[in-house]
N, C-alpha and C. Protein backbone atom coordinates (compact mmCIF):
# COMPACT_ATOMS: atom_id res chain seq x y z
N UNK A 1 -10.76 -14.94 38.67
CA UNK A 1 -10.57 -16.03 38.34
C UNK A 1 -11.50 -15.91 36.98
N UNK A 2 -11.54 -16.65 35.57
CA UNK A 2 -12.41 -15.84 34.51
C UNK A 2 -13.09 -17.17 34.11
N UNK A 3 -14.71 -17.12 33.91
CA UNK A 3 -14.83 -18.00 34.26
C UNK A 3 -15.37 -18.54 32.23
N UNK A 4 -15.15 -18.00 31.59
CA UNK A 4 -15.30 -18.01 30.06
C UNK A 4 -14.18 -18.30 29.56
N UNK A 5 -12.91 -18.05 30.01
CA UNK A 5 -11.97 -18.50 28.98
C UNK A 5 -11.14 -19.60 28.98
N UNK A 6 -11.47 -20.85 28.75
CA UNK A 6 -11.07 -21.78 28.54
C UNK A 6 -9.83 -21.79 28.20
N UNK A 7 -9.22 -21.23 26.60
CA UNK A 7 -8.23 -21.08 25.85
C UNK A 7 -7.20 -20.14 26.05
N UNK A 8 -7.78 -19.27 27.03
CA UNK A 8 -6.52 -18.13 26.82
C UNK A 8 -5.12 -18.49 27.43
N UNK A 9 -4.91 -20.29 28.15
CA UNK A 9 -3.55 -20.13 28.43
C UNK A 9 -2.91 -20.93 27.36
N UNK A 10 -3.30 -20.66 26.33
CA UNK A 10 -2.78 -21.05 25.18
C UNK A 10 -2.54 -19.97 24.11
N UNK A 11 -1.69 -18.47 24.26
CA UNK A 11 -1.67 -17.43 23.50
C UNK A 11 -0.71 -17.90 22.25
N UNK A 12 0.47 -19.05 21.98
CA UNK A 12 1.02 -19.23 20.90
C UNK A 12 -0.49 -19.51 19.78
N UNK A 13 -1.24 -20.28 20.35
CA UNK A 13 -2.37 -20.82 19.31
C UNK A 13 -3.29 -19.61 18.79
N UNK A 14 -3.16 -18.60 19.11
CA UNK A 14 -4.15 -17.16 18.40
C UNK A 14 -2.89 -16.79 17.67
N UNK A 15 -1.79 -17.05 17.99
CA UNK A 15 -0.88 -15.77 17.13
C UNK A 15 -0.63 -16.89 16.01
N UNK A 16 -0.79 -18.55 15.60
CA UNK A 16 -0.96 -19.54 15.09
C UNK A 16 -1.96 -19.10 14.19
N UNK A 17 -3.09 -18.85 14.59
CA UNK A 17 -4.10 -19.23 13.73
C UNK A 17 -4.62 -18.13 13.20
N UNK A 18 -3.72 -16.75 13.65
CA UNK A 18 -3.89 -15.54 13.26
C UNK A 18 -3.18 -15.28 11.81
N UNK A 19 -1.66 -16.41 12.21
CA UNK A 19 -0.64 -16.66 10.89
C UNK A 19 -1.58 -17.22 9.75
N UNK A 20 -2.46 -18.15 9.76
CA UNK A 20 -3.19 -19.02 9.34
C UNK A 20 -3.92 -18.01 8.14
N UNK A 21 -4.45 -17.09 9.02
CA UNK A 21 -6.01 -16.55 8.42
C UNK A 21 -5.02 -15.58 7.22
N UNK A 22 -4.37 -15.15 7.98
CA UNK A 22 -3.63 -13.82 7.30
C UNK A 22 -3.16 -14.57 5.82
N UNK A 23 -2.78 -15.46 5.65
CA UNK A 23 -2.13 -16.35 4.60
C UNK A 23 -3.45 -16.95 3.81
N UNK A 24 -4.37 -17.04 4.66
CA UNK A 24 -5.53 -16.89 3.03
C UNK A 24 -5.74 -16.15 2.45
N UNK A 25 -6.08 -15.03 3.23
CA UNK A 25 -6.11 -13.81 2.45
C UNK A 25 -5.54 -12.77 1.52
N UNK A 26 -3.67 -13.76 1.23
CA UNK A 26 -3.43 -13.16 0.88
C UNK A 26 -3.41 -12.96 -0.39
N UNK A 27 -2.86 -12.16 -1.49
CA UNK A 27 -3.28 -12.13 -3.30
C UNK A 27 -1.30 -11.68 -3.49
N UNK A 28 -1.69 -12.68 -5.14
CA UNK A 28 -0.46 -12.36 -6.07
C UNK A 28 -0.47 -11.07 -5.97
N UNK A 29 0.86 -10.00 -6.10
CA UNK A 29 1.15 -9.04 -6.77
C UNK A 29 0.89 -9.02 -8.42
N UNK A 30 0.05 -7.85 -8.79
CA UNK A 30 -0.25 -7.80 -10.25
C UNK A 30 0.62 -7.46 -11.04
N UNK A 31 0.45 -8.10 -12.23
CA UNK A 31 1.74 -7.71 -13.10
C UNK A 31 1.14 -6.83 -13.83
N UNK A 32 2.17 -5.22 -13.94
CA UNK A 32 1.36 -4.21 -15.35
C UNK A 32 1.25 -4.24 -16.84
N UNK A 33 0.94 -4.02 -17.18
CA UNK A 33 1.03 -3.83 -18.56
C UNK A 33 2.05 -2.58 -18.84
N UNK A 34 3.23 -2.53 -19.67
CA UNK A 34 3.57 -1.42 -19.99
C UNK A 34 2.45 -0.42 -20.37
N UNK A 35 1.60 -0.67 -20.92
CA UNK A 35 0.61 0.38 -20.92
C UNK A 35 0.25 1.04 -19.67
N UNK A 36 0.28 0.31 -18.54
CA UNK A 36 -0.05 0.87 -17.24
C UNK A 36 0.53 1.48 -16.26
N UNK A 37 1.85 1.05 -16.77
CA UNK A 37 3.22 1.53 -16.02
C UNK A 37 2.88 2.97 -16.70
N UNK A 38 3.05 3.76 -18.10
CA UNK A 38 2.76 4.47 -18.57
C UNK A 38 2.30 5.58 -18.05
N UNK A 39 1.18 4.77 -17.93
CA UNK A 39 0.10 5.90 -17.38
C UNK A 39 0.02 6.06 -15.88
N UNK A 40 0.29 5.51 -15.15
CA UNK A 40 1.04 5.58 -13.92
C UNK A 40 1.99 7.01 -13.97
N UNK A 41 2.63 6.63 -15.18
CA UNK A 41 4.10 7.30 -14.72
C UNK A 41 3.37 9.21 -15.03
N UNK A 42 2.54 9.07 -16.59
CA UNK A 42 2.05 10.44 -16.29
C UNK A 42 0.87 11.00 -15.63
N UNK A 43 0.49 9.99 -14.57
CA UNK A 43 -0.44 10.70 -13.33
C UNK A 43 0.42 11.32 -11.87
N UNK A 44 1.43 10.66 -12.36
CA UNK A 44 2.23 10.83 -10.91
C UNK A 44 3.14 11.99 -11.45
N UNK A 45 3.21 12.30 -12.79
CA UNK A 45 3.83 13.72 -13.09
C UNK A 45 2.86 14.93 -12.80
N UNK A 46 1.70 14.44 -13.48
CA UNK A 46 0.77 15.69 -13.25
C UNK A 46 0.45 15.63 -12.15
N UNK A 47 -0.23 15.01 -10.76
CA UNK A 47 0.16 15.09 -9.23
C UNK A 47 0.81 15.63 -9.05
N UNK A 48 2.53 15.65 -9.37
CA UNK A 48 3.91 16.57 -8.96
C UNK A 48 3.47 17.99 -9.11
N UNK A 49 3.66 17.96 -10.70
CA UNK A 49 3.04 19.37 -11.29
C UNK A 49 1.98 19.90 -10.34
N UNK A 50 1.02 19.61 -10.68
CA UNK A 50 -0.21 20.69 -9.99
C UNK A 50 -0.38 20.43 -8.70
N UNK A 51 0.05 19.31 -7.82
CA UNK A 51 -0.09 19.11 -6.65
C UNK A 51 -1.73 19.03 -6.52
N UNK A 52 -2.20 17.71 -6.82
CA UNK A 52 -3.40 17.43 -6.98
C UNK A 52 -3.79 16.34 -6.28
N UNK A 53 -4.27 16.25 -5.20
CA UNK A 53 -4.76 15.15 -4.64
C UNK A 53 -4.54 13.52 -5.46
N UNK A 54 -4.27 12.70 -4.85
CA UNK A 54 -4.33 11.11 -5.60
C UNK A 54 -4.70 10.32 -4.93
N UNK A 55 -5.45 9.55 -5.68
CA UNK A 55 -6.24 8.02 -4.45
C UNK A 55 -4.70 6.86 -4.89
N UNK A 56 -3.96 6.35 -3.93
CA UNK A 56 -2.44 5.34 -4.40
C UNK A 56 -3.44 4.20 -4.65
N UNK A 57 -2.72 3.37 -5.34
CA UNK A 57 -3.07 1.55 -4.47
C UNK A 57 -2.04 1.30 -4.37
N UNK A 58 -1.02 0.85 -4.09
CA UNK A 58 -0.05 0.01 -3.37
C UNK A 58 -0.22 -1.67 -3.38
N UNK A 59 1.36 -2.52 -2.99
CA UNK A 59 0.98 -3.97 -2.66
C UNK A 59 2.08 -3.79 -2.15
N UNK A 60 1.54 -4.26 -0.79
CA UNK A 60 2.18 -4.90 0.65
C UNK A 60 1.88 -5.29 1.39
N UNK A 61 3.15 -6.51 1.84
CA UNK A 61 2.80 -7.82 2.79
C UNK A 61 1.88 -8.50 2.20
N UNK A 62 1.45 -9.02 0.62
CA UNK A 62 0.47 -9.66 0.25
C UNK A 62 -1.09 -8.83 0.44
N UNK A 63 -0.95 -6.99 0.84
CA UNK A 63 -2.39 -7.30 0.34
C UNK A 63 -2.11 -5.99 -1.12
N UNK A 64 -3.31 -5.75 -1.13
CA UNK A 64 -3.70 -4.07 -2.32
C UNK A 64 -3.86 -3.02 -1.21
N UNK A 65 -3.67 -2.00 -0.58
CA UNK A 65 -3.75 -0.99 -0.29
C UNK A 65 -4.17 0.08 -0.40
N UNK A 66 -5.10 1.20 -0.58
CA UNK A 66 -5.78 2.34 -0.70
C UNK A 66 -5.46 3.70 -0.21
N UNK A 67 -4.79 5.00 -0.55
CA UNK A 67 -3.99 5.42 0.30
C UNK A 67 -4.81 7.10 -0.59
N UNK A 68 -5.58 8.01 -0.21
CA UNK A 68 -5.07 9.52 -0.44
C UNK A 68 -3.82 10.35 0.30
N UNK A 69 -3.43 11.08 -1.02
CA UNK A 69 -2.55 12.03 -0.41
C UNK A 69 -2.19 12.78 -1.52
N UNK A 70 -0.94 13.88 -1.19
CA UNK A 70 -0.20 13.99 -2.50
C UNK A 70 1.93 13.88 -2.71
N UNK A 71 1.87 14.12 -3.82
CA UNK A 71 2.89 13.33 -4.51
C UNK A 71 3.94 14.35 -4.00
N UNK A 72 4.99 14.46 -3.48
CA UNK A 72 6.42 15.47 -2.98
C UNK A 72 7.48 15.09 -4.01
N UNK A 73 7.50 14.06 -4.90
CA UNK A 73 8.99 13.75 -4.86
C UNK A 73 8.93 12.16 -5.88
N UNK A 74 9.45 12.06 -7.43
CA UNK A 74 9.23 11.41 -7.64
C UNK A 74 11.05 11.25 -8.33
N UNK A 75 11.29 9.79 -7.96
CA UNK A 75 12.79 9.47 -8.89
C UNK A 75 12.42 8.08 -9.42
N UNK A 76 12.23 8.33 -11.23
CA UNK A 76 12.18 7.10 -12.24
C UNK A 76 13.35 6.11 -11.63
N UNK A 77 14.68 7.09 -11.72
CA UNK A 77 16.33 6.14 -11.88
C UNK A 77 16.16 5.59 -11.12
N UNK A 78 16.13 6.24 -9.48
CA UNK A 78 16.26 5.26 -8.06
C UNK A 78 15.17 4.33 -7.55
N UNK A 79 14.19 4.69 -8.81
CA UNK A 79 12.73 3.45 -8.56
C UNK A 79 12.07 3.98 -7.38
N UNK A 80 11.97 5.22 -6.63
CA UNK A 80 11.08 5.68 -5.49
C UNK A 80 10.20 6.73 -6.01
N UNK A 81 9.17 6.98 -4.14
CA UNK A 81 8.94 8.28 -4.96
C UNK A 81 8.60 8.71 -3.27
N UNK A 82 8.25 9.77 -2.95
CA UNK A 82 7.63 10.64 -1.87
C UNK A 82 6.08 10.57 -1.95
N UNK A 83 5.73 10.13 -0.48
CA UNK A 83 4.25 10.49 -0.82
C UNK A 83 3.57 10.93 0.37
N UNK A 84 2.53 11.95 0.82
CA UNK A 84 2.31 12.55 1.73
C UNK A 84 1.14 11.83 1.99
N UNK A 85 1.01 10.96 2.67
CA UNK A 85 -0.58 10.77 3.35
C UNK A 85 -1.36 11.88 4.17
N UNK A 86 -3.03 11.42 3.61
CA UNK A 86 -3.75 12.46 3.84
C UNK A 86 -4.11 12.73 5.28
N UNK A 87 -4.29 11.51 5.92
CA UNK A 87 -5.06 11.63 6.96
C UNK A 87 -3.68 12.11 8.47
N UNK A 88 -2.92 11.50 8.27
CA UNK A 88 -1.39 11.94 9.19
C UNK A 88 -0.80 13.09 9.14
N UNK A 89 -0.35 13.18 7.60
CA UNK A 89 0.64 14.02 6.67
C UNK A 89 1.71 13.47 7.22
N UNK A 90 2.57 12.18 7.07
CA UNK A 90 3.14 11.50 7.18
C UNK A 90 3.86 11.77 5.77
N UNK A 91 5.08 11.62 5.36
CA UNK A 91 6.02 11.26 4.14
C UNK A 91 6.38 10.09 4.14
N UNK A 92 5.92 9.50 3.27
CA UNK A 92 6.09 7.67 2.91
C UNK A 92 6.97 7.31 1.45
N UNK A 93 8.00 6.73 2.03
CA UNK A 93 8.76 6.37 0.46
C UNK A 93 8.50 5.45 0.10
N UNK A 94 7.87 5.31 -0.60
CA UNK A 94 7.76 3.79 -1.67
C UNK A 94 8.25 3.56 -2.98
N UNK A 95 8.65 2.26 -3.38
CA UNK A 95 9.23 1.90 -4.36
C UNK A 95 8.25 2.05 -5.46
N UNK A 96 8.05 2.90 -6.71
CA UNK A 96 7.22 2.66 -7.90
C UNK A 96 7.31 1.16 -7.89
N UNK A 97 8.11 0.42 -8.45
CA UNK A 97 7.54 -1.45 -8.77
C UNK A 97 6.37 -1.57 -7.47
N UNK A 98 5.81 -1.02 -6.85
CA UNK A 98 4.85 -1.77 -5.25
C UNK A 98 3.81 -1.35 -5.83
N UNK A 99 3.26 0.22 -6.79
CA UNK A 99 2.38 0.59 -7.19
C UNK A 99 1.35 0.21 -8.10
N UNK A 100 0.20 0.07 -8.54
CA UNK A 100 -0.64 -1.19 -8.86
C UNK A 100 -1.30 0.14 -9.61
N UNK A 101 -2.10 1.24 -8.88
CA UNK A 101 -2.98 2.37 -9.48
C UNK A 101 -2.80 3.67 -9.52
N UNK A 102 -2.81 4.25 -10.04
CA UNK A 102 -2.45 5.98 -9.13
C UNK A 102 -3.84 6.85 -9.80
N UNK A 103 -4.98 7.56 -9.80
CA UNK A 103 -5.90 8.30 -10.06
C UNK A 103 -5.99 9.50 -9.29
N UNK A 104 -6.07 10.42 -9.59
CA UNK A 104 -5.91 11.85 -9.33
C UNK A 104 -7.86 11.56 -8.32
N UNK A 105 -7.89 12.36 -7.59
CA UNK A 105 -8.69 12.87 -6.83
C UNK A 105 -9.79 14.23 -7.27
């Protein structure tokens, strides 16, 4: 018997509370201007051709996430690009519309 776990009999309550907390932390996806989109495009092309490391900030499920890595492929007509992250060296396919900011490292 666990002495100090009076609420452990209701795991659904923890799941519900976690969902409420996550909803409070969510932010709306920022709307980019034409100038910002052009700057992102130029930075992506430069990083692709020079194989420089970049800081990517993208929007996913109500959060703005920043990662570092390398751009492998950009398809502007298909609205996607392939990004290899620096930590696990995994290939990530992302949509260009999810990007918020791209900076060279």
